[in-house]
Amino acid sequence: MIPLFNKVLPLLIKMLPLFIKMLPLFFKVLPLLIKMLPLFIKMLPLFFKVLPLLIKMLPLFIMQLPLFIKMLPLFFKVLPLFIKMLPL
């Protein structure tokens, strides 16, 4: 436990300024999060209903990933053309 703590402590000290910087943002977002909590709680049962399906689909998604990564450059090539055509 102590060796792990010795490894983590410098990292925590390093991240402290960033943490302090993010605090005001956290307090800005907090009221919104509190507002959304009832909706989140309402959606939980639906999430657990869909979860088994998502887990089933995961291998399929992983199989398609290399193809998706391969197609990305093409997508970014075509995207500007598509945006140009939008006003028409």
PDB file of N, CA and C in Angstrom:
ATOM      1  N   MET A   1       0.820  -1.195   0.000  1.00  0.00           N
ATOM      2  CA  MET A   1       0.000   0.000   0.000  1.00  0.00           C
ATOM      3  C   MET A   1       0.867   1.263   0.000  1.00  0.00           C
ATOM      4  N   ILE A   2       1.877   1.292   0.848  1.00  0.00           N
ATOM      5  CA  ILE A   2       2.744   2.473   0.959  1.00  0.00           C
ATOM      6  C   ILE A   2       3.515   2.720  -0.342  1.00  0.00           C
ATOM      7  N   PRO A   3       4.101   1.678  -0.982  1.00  0.00           N
ATOM      8  CA  PRO A   3       4.805   1.970  -2.248  1.00  0.00           C
ATOM      9  C   PRO A   3       3.864   2.585  -3.298  1.00  0.00           C
ATOM     10  N   LEU A   4       2.643   2.100  -3.330  1.00  0.00           N
ATOM     11  CA  LEU A   4       1.664   2.641  -4.278  1.00  0.00           C
ATOM     12  C   LEU A   4       1.378   4.107  -3.951  1.00  0.00           C
ATOM     13  N   PHE A   5       1.227   4.376  -2.666  1.00  0.00           N
ATOM     14  CA  PHE A   5       0.962   5.748  -2.218  1.00  0.00           C
ATOM     15  C   PHE A   5       2.120   6.661  -2.620  1.00  0.00           C
ATOM     16  N   ASN A   6       3.346   6.162  -2.475  1.00  0.00           N
ATOM     17  CA  ASN A   6       4.531   6.948  -2.838  1.00  0.00           C
ATOM     18  C   ASN A   6       4.572   7.248  -4.336  1.00  0.00           C
ATOM     19  N   LYS A   7       4.021   6.346  -5.135  1.00  0.00           N
ATOM     20  CA  LYS A   7       3.967   6.566  -6.587  1.00  0.00           C
ATOM     21  C   LYS A   7       2.873   7.569  -6.943  1.00  0.00           C
ATOM     22  N   VAL A   8       1.767   7.502  -6.226  1.00  0.00           N
ATOM     23  CA  VAL A   8       0.605   8.316  -6.547  1.00  0.00           C
ATOM     24  C   VAL A   8       0.722   9.741  -6.012  1.00  0.00           C
ATOM     25  N   LEU A   9       1.361   9.908  -4.884  1.00  0.00           N
ATOM     26  CA  LEU A   9       1.457  11.219  -4.253  1.00  0.00           C
ATOM     27  C   LEU A   9       2.041  12.308  -5.156  1.00  0.00           C
ATOM     28  N   PRO A  10       3.173  12.057  -5.828  1.00  0.00           N
ATOM     29  CA  PRO A  10       3.697  13.124  -6.716  1.00  0.00           C
ATOM     30  C   PRO A  10       2.706  13.492  -7.823  1.00  0.00           C
ATOM     31  N   LEU A  11       2.020  12.498  -8.312  1.00  0.00           N
ATOM     32  CA  LEU A  11       1.031  12.734  -9.362  1.00  0.00           C
ATOM     33  C   LEU A  11      -0.112  13.607  -8.839  1.00  0.00           C
ATOM     34  N   LEU A  12      -0.559  13.308  -7.636  1.00  0.00           N
ATOM     35  CA  LEU A  12      -1.634  14.098  -7.007  1.00  0.00           C
ATOM     36  C   LEU A  12      -1.191  15.543  -6.803  1.00  0.00           C
ATOM     37  N   ILE A  13       0.021  15.719  -6.357  1.00  0.00           N
ATOM     38  CA  ILE A  13       0.562  17.068  -6.132  1.00  0.00           C
ATOM     39  C   ILE A  13       0.643  17.827  -7.462  1.00  0.00           C
ATOM     40  N   LYS A  14       1.033  17.115  -8.507  1.00  0.00           N
ATOM     41  CA  LYS A  14       1.133  17.700  -9.843  1.00  0.00           C
ATOM     42  C   LYS A  14      -0.244  18.160 -10.344  1.00  0.00           C
ATOM     43  N   MET A  15      -1.279  17.378 -10.033  1.00  0.00           N
ATOM     44  CA  MET A  15      -2.617  17.661 -10.540  1.00  0.00           C
ATOM     45  C   MET A  15      -3.387  18.682  -9.700  1.00  0.00           C
ATOM     46  N   LEU A  16      -2.876  19.010  -8.546  1.00  0.00           N
ATOM     47  CA  LEU A  16      -3.561  19.929  -7.644  1.00  0.00           C
ATOM     48  C   LEU A  16      -3.898  21.289  -8.287  1.00  0.00           C
ATOM     49  N   PRO A  17      -2.973  21.931  -8.975  1.00  0.00           N
ATOM     50  CA  PRO A  17      -3.327  23.229  -9.594  1.00  0.00           C
ATOM     51  C   PRO A  17      -4.483  23.105 -10.595  1.00  0.00           C
ATOM     52  N   LEU A  18      -4.467  22.039 -11.359  1.00  0.00           N
ATOM     53  CA  LEU A  18      -5.538  21.803 -12.330  1.00  0.00           C
ATOM     54  C   LEU A  18      -6.867  21.601 -11.605  1.00  0.00           C
ATOM     55  N   PHE A  19      -6.832  20.850 -10.537  1.00  0.00           N
ATOM     56  CA  PHE A  19      -8.025  20.599  -9.739  1.00  0.00           C
ATOM     57  C   PHE A  19      -8.598  21.920  -9.200  1.00  0.00           C
ATOM     58  N   ILE A  20      -7.722  22.764  -8.678  1.00  0.00           N
ATOM     59  CA  ILE A  20      -8.139  24.062  -8.129  1.00  0.00           C
ATOM     60  C   ILE A  20      -8.719  24.942  -9.245  1.00  0.00           C
ATOM     61  N   LYS A  21      -8.110  24.871 -10.413  1.00  0.00           N
ATOM     62  CA  LYS A  21      -8.578  25.635 -11.574  1.00  0.00           C
ATOM     63  C   LYS A  21      -9.991  25.204 -11.991  1.00  0.00           C
ATOM     64  N   MET A  22     -10.264  23.901 -11.880  1.00  0.00           N
ATOM     65  CA  MET A  22     -11.545  23.353 -12.329  1.00  0.00           C
ATOM     66  C   MET A  22     -12.671  23.559 -11.316  1.00  0.00           C
ATOM     67  N   LEU A  23     -12.356  23.871 -10.094  1.00  0.00           N
ATOM     68  CA  LEU A  23     -13.375  24.016  -9.053  1.00  0.00           C
ATOM     69  C   LEU A  23     -14.486  25.019  -9.406  1.00  0.00           C
ATOM     70  N   PRO A  24     -14.148  26.225  -9.880  1.00  0.00           N
ATOM     71  CA  PRO A  24     -15.237  27.164 -10.210  1.00  0.00           C
ATOM     72  C   PRO A  24     -16.186  26.604 -11.276  1.00  0.00           C
ATOM     73  N   LEU A  25     -15.614  25.917 -12.248  1.00  0.00           N
ATOM     74  CA  LEU A  25     -16.424  25.302 -13.301  1.00  0.00           C
ATOM     75  C   LEU A  25     -17.359  24.245 -12.702  1.00  0.00           C
ATOM     76  N   PHE A  26     -16.826  23.485 -11.782  1.00  0.00           N
ATOM     77  CA  PHE A  26     -17.622  22.455 -11.112  1.00  0.00           C
ATOM     78  C   PHE A  26     -18.822  23.085 -10.412  1.00  0.00           C
ATOM     79  N   PHE A  27     -18.604  24.186  -9.718  1.00  0.00           N
ATOM     80  CA  PHE A  27     -19.698  24.836  -8.995  1.00  0.00           C
ATOM     81  C   PHE A  27     -20.688  25.509  -9.944  1.00  0.00           C
ATOM     82  N   LYS A  28     -20.224  25.865 -11.135  1.00  0.00           N
ATOM     83  CA  LYS A  28     -21.119  26.421 -12.156  1.00  0.00           C
ATOM     84  C   LYS A  28     -22.064  25.346 -12.676  1.00  0.00           C
ATOM     85  N   VAL A  29     -21.518  24.147 -12.859  1.00  0.00           N
ATOM     86  CA  VAL A  29     -22.256  23.031 -13.449  1.00  0.00           C
ATOM     87  C   VAL A  29     -23.117  22.309 -12.408  1.00  0.00           C
ATOM     88  N   LEU A  30     -22.743  22.413 -11.162  1.00  0.00           N
ATOM     89  CA  LEU A  30     -23.432  21.695 -10.087  1.00  0.00           C
ATOM     90  C   LEU A  30     -24.954  21.917 -10.063  1.00  0.00           C
ATOM     91  N   PRO A  31     -25.448  23.154 -10.168  1.00  0.00           N
ATOM     92  CA  PRO A  31     -26.915  23.319 -10.148  1.00  0.00           C
ATOM     93  C   PRO A  31     -27.606  22.584 -11.304  1.00  0.00           C
ATOM     94  N   LEU A  32     -26.966  22.613 -12.441  1.00  0.00           N
ATOM     95  CA  LEU A  32     -27.509  21.907 -13.605  1.00  0.00           C
ATOM     96  C   LEU A  32     -27.553  20.398 -13.348  1.00  0.00           C
ATOM     97  N   LEU A  33     -26.495  19.878 -12.758  1.00  0.00           N
ATOM     98  CA  LEU A  33     -26.441  18.447 -12.432  1.00  0.00           C
ATOM     99  C   LEU A  33     -27.540  18.075 -11.440  1.00  0.00           C
ATOM    100  N   ILE A  34     -27.751  18.922 -10.467  1.00  0.00           N
ATOM    101  CA  ILE A  34     -28.797  18.663  -9.464  1.00  0.00           C
ATOM    102  C   ILE A  34     -30.171  18.686 -10.138  1.00  0.00           C
ATOM    103  N   LYS A  35     -30.358  19.616 -11.073  1.00  0.00           N
ATOM    104  CA  LYS A  35     -31.615  19.709 -11.812  1.00  0.00           C
ATOM    105  C   LYS A  35     -31.877  18.448 -12.631  1.00  0.00           C
ATOM    106  N   MET A  36     -30.819  17.900 -13.192  1.00  0.00           N
ATOM    107  CA  MET A  36     -30.948  16.747 -14.080  1.00  0.00           C
ATOM    108  C   MET A  36     -31.044  15.424 -13.334  1.00  0.00           C
ATOM    109  N   LEU A  37     -30.756  15.420 -12.061  1.00  0.00           N
ATOM    110  CA  LEU A  37     -30.751  14.190 -11.279  1.00  0.00           C
ATOM    111  C   LEU A  37     -32.059  13.400 -11.356  1.00  0.00           C
ATOM    112  N   PRO A  38     -33.231  14.040 -11.216  1.00  0.00           N
ATOM    113  CA  PRO A  38     -34.474  13.248 -11.312  1.00  0.00           C
ATOM    114  C   PRO A  38     -34.629  12.548 -12.663  1.00  0.00           C
ATOM    115  N   LEU A  39     -34.250  13.257 -13.723  1.00  0.00           N
ATOM    116  CA  LEU A  39     -34.312  12.669 -15.065  1.00  0.00           C
ATOM    117  C   LEU A  39     -33.363  11.473 -15.165  1.00  0.00           C
ATOM    118  N   PHE A  40     -32.173  11.647 -14.618  1.00  0.00           N
ATOM    119  CA  PHE A  40     -31.182  10.580 -14.625  1.00  0.00           C
ATOM    120  C   PHE A  40     -31.720   9.343 -13.895  1.00  0.00           C
ATOM    121  N   ILE A  41     -32.325   9.559 -12.752  1.00  0.00           N
ATOM    122  CA  ILE A  41     -32.881   8.453 -11.959  1.00  0.00           C
ATOM    123  C   ILE A  41     -34.019   7.773 -12.722  1.00  0.00           C
ATOM    124  N   LYS A  42     -34.822   8.576 -13.413  1.00  0.00           N
ATOM    125  CA  LYS A  42     -35.916   8.048 -14.227  1.00  0.00           C
ATOM    126  C   LYS A  42     -35.398   7.154 -15.351  1.00  0.00           C
ATOM    127  N   MET A  43     -34.263   7.534 -15.931  1.00  0.00           N
ATOM    128  CA  MET A  43     -33.710   6.819 -17.076  1.00  0.00           C
ATOM    129  C   MET A  43     -32.950   5.548 -16.684  1.00  0.00           C
ATOM    130  N   LEU A  44     -32.584   5.415 -15.437  1.00  0.00           N
ATOM    131  CA  LEU A  44     -31.801   4.252 -14.996  1.00  0.00           C
ATOM    132  C   LEU A  44     -32.433   2.906 -15.353  1.00  0.00           C
ATOM    133  N   PRO A  45     -33.727   2.697 -15.083  1.00  0.00           N
ATOM    134  CA  PRO A  45     -34.298   1.381 -15.438  1.00  0.00           C
ATOM    135  C   PRO A  45     -34.183   1.077 -16.933  1.00  0.00           C
ATOM    136  N   LEU A  46     -34.364   2.105 -17.747  1.00  0.00           N
ATOM    137  CA  LEU A  46     -34.227   1.933 -19.195  1.00  0.00           C
ATOM    138  C   LEU A  46     -32.794   1.532 -19.553  1.00  0.00           C
ATOM    139  N   PHE A  47     -31.837   2.184 -18.895  1.00  0.00           N
ATOM    140  CA  PHE A  47     -30.434   1.868 -19.126  1.00  0.00           C
ATOM    141  C   PHE A  47     -30.155   0.399 -18.823  1.00  0.00           C
ATOM    142  N   PHE A  48     -30.694  -0.097 -17.716  1.00  0.00           N
ATOM    143  CA  PHE A  48     -30.446  -1.490 -17.343  1.00  0.00           C
ATOM    144  C   PHE A  48     -31.187  -2.471 -18.262  1.00  0.00           C
ATOM    145  N   LYS A  49     -32.264  -2.009 -18.884  1.00  0.00           N
ATOM    146  CA  LYS A  49     -32.969  -2.839 -19.859  1.00  0.00           C
ATOM    147  C   LYS A  49     -32.141  -2.989 -21.132  1.00  0.00           C
ATOM    148  N   VAL A  50     -31.486  -1.891 -21.523  1.00  0.00           N
ATOM    149  CA  VAL A  50     -30.727  -1.850 -22.772  1.00  0.00           C
ATOM    150  C   VAL A  50     -29.315  -2.424 -22.613  1.00  0.00           C
ATOM    151  N   LEU A  51     -28.814  -2.414 -21.396  1.00  0.00           N
ATOM    152  CA  LEU A  51     -27.449  -2.862 -21.127  1.00  0.00           C
ATOM    153  C   LEU A  51     -27.122  -4.252 -21.675  1.00  0.00           C
ATOM    154  N   PRO A  52     -27.960  -5.278 -21.463  1.00  0.00           N
ATOM    155  CA  PRO A  52     -27.618  -6.603 -22.011  1.00  0.00           C
ATOM    156  C   PRO A  52     -27.466  -6.581 -23.534  1.00  0.00           C
ATOM    157  N   LEU A  53     -28.316  -5.795 -24.182  1.00  0.00           N
ATOM    158  CA  LEU A  53     -28.231  -5.673 -25.639  1.00  0.00           C
ATOM    159  C   LEU A  53     -26.913  -5.019 -26.047  1.00  0.00           C
ATOM    160  N   LEU A  54     -26.525  -3.991 -25.318  1.00  0.00           N
ATOM    161  CA  LEU A  54     -25.255  -3.299 -25.607  1.00  0.00           C
ATOM    162  C   LEU A  54     -24.076  -4.253 -25.425  1.00  0.00           C
ATOM    163  N   ILE A  55     -24.135  -5.054 -24.383  1.00  0.00           N
ATOM    164  CA  ILE A  55     -23.057  -6.014 -24.114  1.00  0.00           C
ATOM    165  C   ILE A  55     -23.000  -7.058 -25.234  1.00  0.00           C
ATOM    166  N   LYS A  56     -24.162  -7.490 -25.716  1.00  0.00           N
ATOM    167  CA  LYS A  56     -24.219  -8.442 -26.820  1.00  0.00           C
ATOM    168  C   LYS A  56     -23.612  -7.859 -28.088  1.00  0.00           C
ATOM    169  N   MET A  57     -23.843  -6.574 -28.311  1.00  0.00           N
ATOM    170  CA  MET A  57     -23.386  -5.918 -29.539  1.00  0.00           C
ATOM    171  C   MET A  57     -21.915  -5.512 -29.517  1.00  0.00           C
ATOM    172  N   LEU A  58     -21.320  -5.524 -28.345  1.00  0.00           N
ATOM    173  CA  LEU A  58     -19.938  -5.087 -28.204  1.00  0.00           C
ATOM    174  C   LEU A  58     -18.958  -5.834 -29.123  1.00  0.00           C
ATOM    175  N   PRO A  59     -18.994  -7.165 -29.201  1.00  0.00           N
ATOM    176  CA  PRO A  59     -18.059  -7.853 -30.102  1.00  0.00           C
ATOM    177  C   PRO A  59     -18.236  -7.416 -31.558  1.00  0.00           C
ATOM    178  N   LEU A  60     -19.477  -7.227 -31.956  1.00  0.00           N
ATOM    179  CA  LEU A  60     -19.760  -6.776 -33.316  1.00  0.00           C
ATOM    180  C   LEU A  60     -19.151  -5.397 -33.553  1.00  0.00           C
ATOM    181  N   PHE A  61     -19.322  -4.524 -32.578  1.00  0.00           N
ATOM    182  CA  PHE A  61     -18.771  -3.169 -32.664  1.00  0.00           C
ATOM    183  C   PHE A  61     -17.249  -3.218 -32.782  1.00  0.00           C
ATOM    184  N   ILE A  62     -16.615  -4.059 -31.975  1.00  0.00           N
ATOM    185  CA  ILE A  62     -15.149  -4.185 -31.986  1.00  0.00           C
ATOM    186  C   ILE A  62     -14.672  -4.725 -33.338  1.00  0.00           C
ATOM    187  N   MET A  63     -15.447  -5.646 -33.918  1.00  0.00           N
ATOM    188  CA  MET A  63     -15.084  -6.191 -35.227  1.00  0.00           C
ATOM    189  C   MET A  63     -15.129  -5.120 -36.316  1.00  0.00           C
ATOM    190  N   GLN A  64     -16.066  -4.192 -36.198  1.00  0.00           N
ATOM    191  CA  GLN A  64     -16.233  -3.146 -37.212  1.00  0.00           C
ATOM    192  C   GLN A  64     -15.254  -1.986 -37.038  1.00  0.00           C
ATOM    193  N   LEU A  65     -14.641  -1.911 -35.896  1.00  0.00           N
ATOM    194  CA  LEU A  65     -13.763  -0.794 -35.575  1.00  0.00           C
ATOM    195  C   LEU A  65     -12.621  -0.580 -36.584  1.00  0.00           C
ATOM    196  N   PRO A  66     -11.885  -1.625 -36.999  1.00  0.00           N
ATOM    197  CA  PRO A  66     -10.802  -1.385 -37.974  1.00  0.00           C
ATOM    198  C   PRO A  66     -11.324  -0.768 -39.278  1.00  0.00           C
ATOM    199  N   LEU A  67     -12.459  -1.246 -39.738  1.00  0.00           N
ATOM    200  CA  LEU A  67     -13.049  -0.699 -40.956  1.00  0.00           C
ATOM    201  C   LEU A  67     -13.429   0.765 -40.753  1.00  0.00           C
ATOM    202  N   PHE A  68     -14.003   1.045 -39.605  1.00  0.00           N
ATOM    203  CA  PHE A  68     -14.403   2.417 -39.277  1.00  0.00           C
ATOM    204  C   PHE A  68     -13.187   3.343 -39.289  1.00  0.00           C
ATOM    205  N   ILE A  69     -12.099   2.904 -38.676  1.00  0.00           N
ATOM    206  CA  ILE A  69     -10.868   3.706 -38.607  1.00  0.00           C
ATOM    207  C   ILE A  69     -10.306   3.917 -40.016  1.00  0.00           C
ATOM    208  N   LYS A  70     -10.394   2.881 -40.848  1.00  0.00           N
ATOM    209  CA  LYS A  70      -9.937   2.967 -42.232  1.00  0.00           C
ATOM    210  C   LYS A  70     -10.735   4.007 -43.022  1.00  0.00           C
ATOM    211  N   MET A  71     -12.035   4.087 -42.741  1.00  0.00           N
ATOM    212  CA  MET A  71     -12.927   4.976 -43.491  1.00  0.00           C
ATOM    213  C   MET A  71     -12.866   6.431 -43.018  1.00  0.00           C
ATOM    214  N   LEU A  72     -12.327   6.669 -41.861  1.00  0.00           N
ATOM    215  CA  LEU A  72     -12.293   8.024 -41.316  1.00  0.00           C
ATOM    216  C   LEU A  72     -11.644   9.061 -42.244  1.00  0.00           C
ATOM    217  N   PRO A  73     -10.473   8.771 -42.810  1.00  0.00           N
ATOM    218  CA  PRO A  73      -9.875   9.786 -43.705  1.00  0.00           C
ATOM    219  C   PRO A  73     -10.809  10.140 -44.881  1.00  0.00           C
ATOM    220  N   LEU A  74     -11.454   9.122 -45.424  1.00  0.00           N
ATOM    221  CA  LEU A  74     -12.383   9.355 -46.523  1.00  0.00           C
ATOM    222  C   LEU A  74     -13.543  10.244 -46.064  1.00  0.00           C
ATOM    223  N   PHE A  75     -14.029   9.977 -44.882  1.00  0.00           N
ATOM    224  CA  PHE A  75     -15.124  10.775 -44.321  1.00  0.00           C
ATOM    225  C   PHE A  75     -14.731  12.249 -44.239  1.00  0.00           C
ATOM    226  N   PHE A  76     -13.519  12.522 -43.752  1.00  0.00           N
ATOM    227  CA  PHE A  76     -13.084  13.910 -43.615  1.00  0.00           C
ATOM    228  C   PHE A  76     -12.782  14.554 -44.966  1.00  0.00           C
ATOM    229  N   LYS A  77     -12.496  13.741 -45.969  1.00  0.00           N
ATOM    230  CA  LYS A  77     -12.303  14.256 -47.332  1.00  0.00           C
ATOM    231  C   LYS A  77     -13.640  14.701 -47.913  1.00  0.00           C
ATOM    232  N   VAL A  78     -14.672  13.918 -47.664  1.00  0.00           N
ATOM    233  CA  VAL A  78     -15.992  14.151 -48.248  1.00  0.00           C
ATOM    234  C   VAL A  78     -16.787  15.203 -47.468  1.00  0.00           C
ATOM    235  N   LEU A  79     -16.494  15.333 -46.204  1.00  0.00           N
ATOM    236  CA  LEU A  79     -17.244  16.250 -45.345  1.00  0.00           C
ATOM    237  C   LEU A  79     -17.299  17.690 -45.876  1.00  0.00           C
ATOM    238  N   PRO A  80     -16.174  18.292 -46.286  1.00  0.00           N
ATOM    239  CA  PRO A  80     -16.267  19.671 -46.795  1.00  0.00           C
ATOM    240  C   PRO A  80     -17.180  19.775 -48.022  1.00  0.00           C
ATOM    241  N   LEU A  81     -17.115  18.765 -48.880  1.00  0.00           N
ATOM    242  CA  LEU A  81     -17.978  18.758 -50.070  1.00  0.00           C
ATOM    243  C   LEU A  81     -19.440  18.716 -49.666  1.00  0.00           C
ATOM    244  N   PHE A  82     -19.743  17.895 -48.706  1.00  0.00           N
ATOM    245  CA  PHE A  82     -21.109  17.758 -48.216  1.00  0.00           C
ATOM    246  C   PHE A  82     -21.604  19.076 -47.613  1.00  0.00           C
ATOM    247  N   ILE A  83     -20.741  19.719 -46.844  1.00  0.00           N
ATOM    248  CA  ILE A  83     -21.104  21.001 -46.220  1.00  0.00           C
ATOM    249  C   ILE A  83     -21.356  22.059 -47.292  1.00  0.00           C
ATOM    250  N   LYS A  84     -20.550  22.043 -48.354  1.00  0.00           N
ATOM    251  CA  LYS A  84     -20.728  22.989 -49.465  1.00  0.00           C
ATOM    252  C   LYS A  84     -22.091  22.800 -50.134  1.00  0.00           C
ATOM    253  N   MET A  85     -22.533  21.560 -50.221  1.00  0.00           N
ATOM    254  CA  MET A  85     -23.793  21.251 -50.899  1.00  0.00           C
ATOM    255  C   MET A  85     -25.024  21.545 -50.044  1.00  0.00           C
ATOM    256  N   LEU A  86     -24.843  21.707 -48.768  1.00  0.00           N
ATOM    257  CA  LEU A  86     -25.975  21.905 -47.859  1.00  0.00           C
ATOM    258  C   LEU A  86     -26.893  23.080 -48.229  1.00  0.00           C
ATOM    259  N   PRO A  87     -26.352  24.245 -48.561  1.00  0.00           N
ATOM    260  CA  PRO A  87     -27.268  25.355 -48.883  1.00  0.00           C
ATOM    261  C   PRO A  87     -28.188  25.068 -50.080  1.00  0.00           C
ATOM    262  N   LEU A  88     -27.757  24.185 -50.978  1.00  0.00           N
ATOM    263  CA  LEU A  88     -28.585  23.844 -52.144  1.00  0.00           C
ATOM    264  C   LEU A  88     -29.734  23.024 -51.678  1.00  0.00           C
TER     265      LEU A  88
END
